[in-house]
Amino acid sequence: MLKFPDQFTLPKRTCQSFRRHSMSMHFHRMSNRYSNARGGFMEKNDVVSTLNDLIQTCKDGVEGFRTCAEDIGNPELKAYFNDRAERCTRAAEELQDLVIDYGGDPATSSHVSGTLHRRWVDVRSAITGKSEQDVLEECERGEDVAKHYYEAALQKDLPEDVRLIVEDQYRGVQLNHDQVKGMRNQARPSH
């Protein structure tokens, strides 16, 4: 039997807190360049592009977690994956709001590579079948990809209001990864 963490909560900024901070940053959004707390600058289009990459990453997560929920028989894991899909949806919405605040058009779909990976997993699973461990391993791979995208974004000179949200969401991605990895390790057969 798998052991689940007592609580599945992720760090979350409140809308009021974000809106207050967003309003204080509004005057910076009038230009095409945004400064950050470290003295760096980032072009508006680069901010929007980075956020859209993360939105697509969140959409990949929604689809990936939903696929895992469909493919697993364990009701506790099914509930866990559905909860994670909902959290990814909320993260994407938060990032879409930021893109709009920065004058851009938010992404509405997942990465093509994420879609291709899910299709490959579906074909392989149709041939070999899906064990609980297989589903958890594929989920962990997806979270590895999400970590990569968030780490790449955090290497950029993001405006401070964007950085705070991306860091907060990155902590959630790390937590997802670690929880899935722990469950996968528990699902491995003992030798």
C-alpha atoms as a PDB file:
ATOM      1  CA  MET A   1       0.000   0.000   0.000  1.00  0.00           C
ATOM      2  CA  LEU A   2       1.315   3.428  -0.905  1.00  0.00           C
ATOM      3  CA  LYS A   3       1.741   6.038   1.769  1.00  0.00           C
ATOM      4  CA  PHE A   4       0.552   9.497   0.846  1.00  0.00           C
ATOM      5  CA  PRO A   5       1.743  12.726   2.392  1.00  0.00           C
ATOM      6  CA  ASP A   6      -0.623  13.946   5.100  1.00  0.00           C
ATOM      7  CA  GLN A   7      -1.360  17.069   3.170  1.00  0.00           C
ATOM      8  CA  PHE A   8      -1.263  17.848  -0.531  1.00  0.00           C
ATOM      9  CA  THR A   9      -1.179  21.627  -0.185  1.00  0.00           C
ATOM     10  CA  LEU A  10       1.203  23.731  -2.199  1.00  0.00           C
ATOM     11  CA  PRO A  11       2.355  27.249  -1.429  1.00  0.00           C
ATOM     12  CA  LYS A  12      -0.104  29.742  -2.873  1.00  0.00           C
ATOM     13  CA  ARG A  13      -0.103  33.506  -3.045  1.00  0.00           C
ATOM     14  CA  THR A  14      -3.427  35.152  -2.385  1.00  0.00           C
ATOM     15  CA  CYS A  15      -5.120  37.147  -5.111  1.00  0.00           C
ATOM     16  CA  GLN A  16      -5.266  40.213  -2.880  1.00  0.00           C
ATOM     17  CA  SER A  17      -1.544  40.072  -2.191  1.00  0.00           C
ATOM     18  CA  PHE A  18      -0.767  39.609  -5.879  1.00  0.00           C
ATOM     19  CA  ARG A  19      -3.113  42.402  -6.963  1.00  0.00           C
ATOM     20  CA  ARG A  20      -1.595  44.846  -4.450  1.00  0.00           C
ATOM     21  CA  HIS A  21       1.893  44.011  -5.691  1.00  0.00           C
ATOM     22  CA  SER A  22       0.690  44.082  -9.294  1.00  0.00           C
ATOM     23  CA  MET A  23      -0.734  47.572  -8.855  1.00  0.00           C
ATOM     24  CA  SER A  24       2.552  48.842  -7.398  1.00  0.00           C
ATOM     25  CA  MET A  25       4.406  47.468 -10.445  1.00  0.00           C
ATOM     26  CA  HIS A  26       1.959  48.964 -12.959  1.00  0.00           C
ATOM     27  CA  PHE A  27       4.069  52.026 -13.719  1.00  0.00           C
ATOM     28  CA  HIS A  28       6.943  49.755 -14.833  1.00  0.00           C
ATOM     29  CA  ARG A  29       4.653  48.031 -17.352  1.00  0.00           C
ATOM     30  CA  MET A  30       4.176  51.219 -19.337  1.00  0.00           C
ATOM     31  CA  SER A  31       7.514  50.678 -21.099  1.00  0.00           C
ATOM     32  CA  ASN A  32       8.937  47.782 -23.091  1.00  0.00           C
ATOM     33  CA  ARG A  33      11.750  47.096 -20.585  1.00  0.00           C
ATOM     34  CA  TYR A  34      11.323  45.984 -17.005  1.00  0.00           C
ATOM     35  CA  SER A  35      13.870  46.195 -14.249  1.00  0.00           C
ATOM     36  CA  ASN A  36      14.192  43.707 -11.437  1.00  0.00           C
ATOM     37  CA  ALA A  37      15.523  43.853  -7.887  1.00  0.00           C
ATOM     38  CA  ARG A  38      18.976  42.708  -9.067  1.00  0.00           C
ATOM     39  CA  GLY A  39      19.307  45.647 -11.438  1.00  0.00           C
ATOM     40  CA  GLY A  40      18.797  43.572 -14.590  1.00  0.00           C
ATOM     41  CA  PHE A  41      16.443  44.378 -17.410  1.00  0.00           C
ATOM     42  CA  MET A  42      14.157  42.209 -19.499  1.00  0.00           C
ATOM     43  CA  GLU A  43      12.236  43.183 -22.621  1.00  0.00           C
ATOM     44  CA  LYS A  44       8.429  42.962 -22.472  1.00  0.00           C
ATOM     45  CA  ASN A  45       8.323  40.394 -25.272  1.00  0.00           C
ATOM     46  CA  ASP A  46      10.847  38.226 -23.399  1.00  0.00           C
ATOM     47  CA  VAL A  47       8.746  38.383 -20.226  1.00  0.00           C
ATOM     48  CA  VAL A  48       5.619  37.369 -22.158  1.00  0.00           C
ATOM     49  CA  SER A  49       7.471  34.608 -24.035  1.00  0.00           C
ATOM     50  CA  THR A  50       8.891  33.185 -20.795  1.00  0.00           C
ATOM     51  CA  LEU A  51       5.481  33.247 -19.137  1.00  0.00           C
ATOM     52  CA  ASN A  52       3.875  31.603 -22.168  1.00  0.00           C
ATOM     53  CA  ASP A  53       6.459  28.796 -22.003  1.00  0.00           C
ATOM     54  CA  LEU A  54       5.470  28.240 -18.384  1.00  0.00           C
ATOM     55  CA  ILE A  55       1.757  28.359 -19.251  1.00  0.00           C
ATOM     56  CA  GLN A  56       2.357  25.621 -21.824  1.00  0.00           C
ATOM     57  CA  THR A  57       4.306  23.687 -19.173  1.00  0.00           C
ATOM     58  CA  CYS A  58       1.332  23.973 -16.801  1.00  0.00           C
ATOM     59  CA  LYS A  59      -1.017  22.833 -19.585  1.00  0.00           C
ATOM     60  CA  ASP A  60       1.307  19.834 -20.143  1.00  0.00           C
ATOM     61  CA  GLY A  61       0.959  19.128 -16.427  1.00  0.00           C
ATOM     62  CA  VAL A  62      -2.839  19.312 -16.556  1.00  0.00           C
ATOM     63  CA  GLU A  63      -2.981  16.854 -19.441  1.00  0.00           C
ATOM     64  CA  GLY A  64      -0.287  14.614 -17.961  1.00  0.00           C
ATOM     65  CA  PHE A  65      -1.901  14.377 -14.535  1.00  0.00           C
ATOM     66  CA  ARG A  66      -5.324  13.760 -16.089  1.00  0.00           C
ATOM     67  CA  THR A  67      -3.855  10.978 -18.225  1.00  0.00           C
ATOM     68  CA  CYS A  68      -2.265   9.440 -15.123  1.00  0.00           C
ATOM     69  CA  ALA A  69      -5.600   9.646 -13.283  1.00  0.00           C
ATOM     70  CA  GLU A  70      -7.326   7.843 -16.175  1.00  0.00           C
ATOM     71  CA  ASP A  71      -4.639   5.155 -16.392  1.00  0.00           C
ATOM     72  CA  ILE A  72      -4.440   4.192 -12.726  1.00  0.00           C
ATOM     73  CA  GLY A  73      -6.787   1.950 -10.785  1.00  0.00           C
ATOM     74  CA  ASN A  74      -5.784   3.043  -7.274  1.00  0.00           C
ATOM     75  CA  PRO A  75      -8.509   5.497  -6.115  1.00  0.00           C
ATOM     76  CA  GLU A  76      -6.101   7.394  -3.837  1.00  0.00           C
ATOM     77  CA  LEU A  77      -3.650   7.957  -6.695  1.00  0.00           C
ATOM     78  CA  LYS A  78      -6.519   8.878  -9.009  1.00  0.00           C
ATOM     79  CA  ALA A  79      -7.630  11.565  -6.525  1.00  0.00           C
ATOM     80  CA  TYR A  80      -4.022  12.768  -6.108  1.00  0.00           C
ATOM     81  CA  PHE A  81      -3.521  13.116  -9.883  1.00  0.00           C
ATOM     82  CA  ASN A  82      -6.863  14.888 -10.363  1.00  0.00           C
ATOM     83  CA  ASP A  83      -5.930  17.315  -7.574  1.00  0.00           C
ATOM     84  CA  ARG A  84      -2.585  17.994  -9.243  1.00  0.00           C
ATOM     85  CA  ALA A  85      -4.293  18.606 -12.596  1.00  0.00           C
ATOM     86  CA  GLU A  86      -6.548  21.197 -10.935  1.00  0.00           C
ATOM     87  CA  ARG A  87      -3.551  22.904  -9.305  1.00  0.00           C
ATOM     88  CA  CYS A  88      -1.774  23.066 -12.673  1.00  0.00           C
ATOM     89  CA  THR A  89      -4.919  24.661 -14.134  1.00  0.00           C
ATOM     90  CA  ARG A  90      -4.863  27.347 -11.431  1.00  0.00           C
ATOM     91  CA  ALA A  91      -1.122  27.946 -11.965  1.00  0.00           C
ATOM     92  CA  ALA A  92      -1.691  28.393 -15.720  1.00  0.00           C
ATOM     93  CA  GLU A  93      -4.515  30.861 -15.035  1.00  0.00           C
ATOM     94  CA  GLU A  94      -2.282  32.864 -12.695  1.00  0.00           C
ATOM     95  CA  LEU A  95       0.411  33.056 -15.377  1.00  0.00           C
ATOM     96  CA  GLN A  96      -2.158  33.940 -18.060  1.00  0.00           C
ATOM     97  CA  ASP A  97      -3.270  36.884 -15.909  1.00  0.00           C
ATOM     98  CA  LEU A  98       0.356  38.039 -15.721  1.00  0.00           C
ATOM     99  CA  VAL A  99       0.762  37.834 -19.504  1.00  0.00           C
ATOM    100  CA  ILE A 100      -2.328  40.019 -19.909  1.00  0.00           C
ATOM    101  CA  ASP A 101      -0.975  42.444 -17.275  1.00  0.00           C
ATOM    102  CA  TYR A 102       2.213  42.689 -19.347  1.00  0.00           C
ATOM    103  CA  GLY A 103       0.235  43.416 -22.513  1.00  0.00           C
ATOM    104  CA  GLY A 104       0.644  40.025 -24.172  1.00  0.00           C
ATOM    105  CA  ASP A 105      -1.583  37.272 -25.479  1.00  0.00           C
ATOM    106  CA  PRO A 106      -1.481  34.244 -23.156  1.00  0.00           C
ATOM    107  CA  ALA A 107      -0.806  30.750 -24.467  1.00  0.00           C
ATOM    108  CA  THR A 108      -3.853  28.502 -24.428  1.00  0.00           C
ATOM    109  CA  SER A 109      -2.368  25.087 -25.259  1.00  0.00           C
ATOM    110  CA  SER A 110       0.393  22.728 -24.184  1.00  0.00           C
ATOM    111  CA  HIS A 111       3.821  22.222 -25.780  1.00  0.00           C
ATOM    112  CA  VAL A 112       3.860  20.085 -28.907  1.00  0.00           C
ATOM    113  CA  SER A 113       6.615  17.945 -27.315  1.00  0.00           C
ATOM    114  CA  GLY A 114       4.381  17.224 -24.307  1.00  0.00           C
ATOM    115  CA  THR A 115       1.555  16.111 -26.565  1.00  0.00           C
ATOM    116  CA  LEU A 116       3.913  13.890 -28.574  1.00  0.00           C
ATOM    117  CA  HIS A 117       5.299  12.330 -25.390  1.00  0.00           C
ATOM    118  CA  ARG A 118       1.786  11.498 -24.129  1.00  0.00           C
ATOM    119  CA  ARG A 119       0.919   9.876 -27.471  1.00  0.00           C
ATOM    120  CA  TRP A 120       4.120   7.782 -27.360  1.00  0.00           C
ATOM    121  CA  VAL A 121       3.272   6.683 -23.805  1.00  0.00           C
ATOM    122  CA  ASP A 122      -0.259   5.750 -24.955  1.00  0.00           C
ATOM    123  CA  VAL A 123       1.089   3.600 -27.814  1.00  0.00           C
ATOM    124  CA  ARG A 124       3.663   1.913 -25.584  1.00  0.00           C
ATOM    125  CA  SER A 125       1.065   1.311 -22.885  1.00  0.00           C
ATOM    126  CA  ALA A 126      -1.360  -0.217 -25.366  1.00  0.00           C
ATOM    127  CA  ILE A 127       1.299  -2.784 -26.205  1.00  0.00           C
ATOM    128  CA  THR A 128       2.731  -3.469 -22.743  1.00  0.00           C
ATOM    129  CA  GLY A 129      -0.063  -2.445 -20.332  1.00  0.00           C
ATOM    130  CA  LYS A 130       0.273   0.138 -17.559  1.00  0.00           C
ATOM    131  CA  SER A 131       1.329  -0.826 -14.092  1.00  0.00           C
ATOM    132  CA  GLU A 132       1.072   1.593 -11.184  1.00  0.00           C
ATOM    133  CA  GLN A 133       4.851   1.935 -11.245  1.00  0.00           C
ATOM    134  CA  ASP A 134       4.841   2.697 -15.002  1.00  0.00           C
ATOM    135  CA  VAL A 135       2.296   5.474 -14.531  1.00  0.00           C
ATOM    136  CA  LEU A 136       4.291   6.965 -11.650  1.00  0.00           C
ATOM    137  CA  GLU A 137       7.520   6.793 -13.683  1.00  0.00           C
ATOM    138  CA  GLU A 138       5.914   8.632 -16.601  1.00  0.00           C
ATOM    139  CA  CYS A 139       4.503  11.204 -14.200  1.00  0.00           C
ATOM    140  CA  GLU A 140       7.952  11.728 -12.683  1.00  0.00           C
ATOM    141  CA  ARG A 141       9.416  12.244 -16.186  1.00  0.00           C
ATOM    142  CA  GLY A 142       6.806  14.900 -16.818  1.00  0.00           C
ATOM    143  CA  GLU A 143       7.692  16.654 -13.573  1.00  0.00           C
ATOM    144  CA  ASP A 144      11.394  16.530 -14.550  1.00  0.00           C
ATOM    145  CA  VAL A 145      10.481  18.451 -17.710  1.00  0.00           C
ATOM    146  CA  ALA A 146       8.422  20.972 -15.714  1.00  0.00           C
ATOM    147  CA  LYS A 147      11.356  21.519 -13.338  1.00  0.00           C
ATOM    148  CA  HIS A 148      13.604  22.189 -16.328  1.00  0.00           C
ATOM    149  CA  TYR A 149      11.265  24.878 -17.732  1.00  0.00           C
ATOM    150  CA  TYR A 150      10.868  26.603 -14.362  1.00  0.00           C
ATOM    151  CA  GLU A 151      14.624  26.496 -13.675  1.00  0.00           C
ATOM    152  CA  ALA A 152      15.307  28.007 -17.114  1.00  0.00           C
ATOM    153  CA  ALA A 153      12.797  30.800 -16.421  1.00  0.00           C
ATOM    154  CA  LEU A 154      14.361  31.540 -13.044  1.00  0.00           C
ATOM    155  CA  GLN A 155      17.776  31.970 -14.702  1.00  0.00           C
ATOM    156  CA  LYS A 156      16.398  35.025 -16.533  1.00  0.00           C
ATOM    157  CA  ASP A 157      16.209  38.606 -15.266  1.00  0.00           C
ATOM    158  CA  LEU A 158      12.485  38.418 -14.562  1.00  0.00           C
ATOM    159  CA  PRO A 159      10.726  41.467 -13.120  1.00  0.00           C
ATOM    160  CA  GLU A 160      10.360  41.011  -9.375  1.00  0.00           C
ATOM    161  CA  ASP A 161       6.563  40.531  -9.378  1.00  0.00           C
ATOM    162  CA  VAL A 162       6.906  37.795 -12.007  1.00  0.00           C
ATOM    163  CA  ARG A 163       9.877  36.190 -10.223  1.00  0.00           C
ATOM    164  CA  LEU A 164       7.904  35.880  -6.970  1.00  0.00           C
ATOM    165  CA  ILE A 165       5.086  33.992  -8.689  1.00  0.00           C
ATOM    166  CA  VAL A 166       7.430  31.788 -10.737  1.00  0.00           C
ATOM    167  CA  GLU A 167       9.461  30.908  -7.617  1.00  0.00           C
ATOM    168  CA  ASP A 168       6.269  30.062  -5.741  1.00  0.00           C
ATOM    169  CA  GLN A 169       5.061  27.817  -8.566  1.00  0.00           C
ATOM    170  CA  TYR A 170       8.517  26.222  -8.880  1.00  0.00           C
ATOM    171  CA  ARG A 171       8.330  25.141  -5.244  1.00  0.00           C
ATOM    172  CA  GLY A 172       5.035  23.432  -6.124  1.00  0.00           C
ATOM    173  CA  VAL A 173       6.649  21.670  -9.093  1.00  0.00           C
ATOM    174  CA  GLN A 174       9.484  20.463  -6.861  1.00  0.00           C
ATOM    175  CA  LEU A 175       6.982  19.183  -4.306  1.00  0.00           C
ATOM    176  CA  ASN A 176       5.007  17.352  -7.012  1.00  0.00           C
ATOM    177  CA  HIS A 177       8.202  15.768  -8.319  1.00  0.00           C
ATOM    178  CA  ASP A 178       9.374  14.655  -4.897  1.00  0.00           C
ATOM    179  CA  GLN A 179       5.973  13.232  -3.925  1.00  0.00           C
ATOM    180  CA  VAL A 180       5.609  11.312  -7.191  1.00  0.00           C
ATOM    181  CA  LYS A 181       9.168  10.015  -6.911  1.00  0.00           C
ATOM    182  CA  GLY A 182       8.481   8.841  -3.343  1.00  0.00           C
ATOM    183  CA  MET A 183       5.289   7.075  -4.410  1.00  0.00           C
ATOM    184  CA  ARG A 184       7.089   5.512  -7.369  1.00  0.00           C
ATOM    185  CA  ASN A 185       9.827   4.201  -5.061  1.00  0.00           C
ATOM    186  CA  GLN A 186       7.152   2.691  -2.788  1.00  0.00           C
ATOM    187  CA  ALA A 187       5.474   1.035  -5.777  1.00  0.00           C
ATOM    188  CA  ARG A 188       8.680  -0.723  -6.869  1.00  0.00           C
ATOM    189  CA  PRO A 189       8.612  -4.428  -6.171  1.00  0.00           C
ATOM    190  CA  SER A 190      10.955  -5.611  -3.424  1.00  0.00           C
ATOM    191  CA  HIS A 191      13.661  -8.042  -4.419  1.00  0.00           C
END
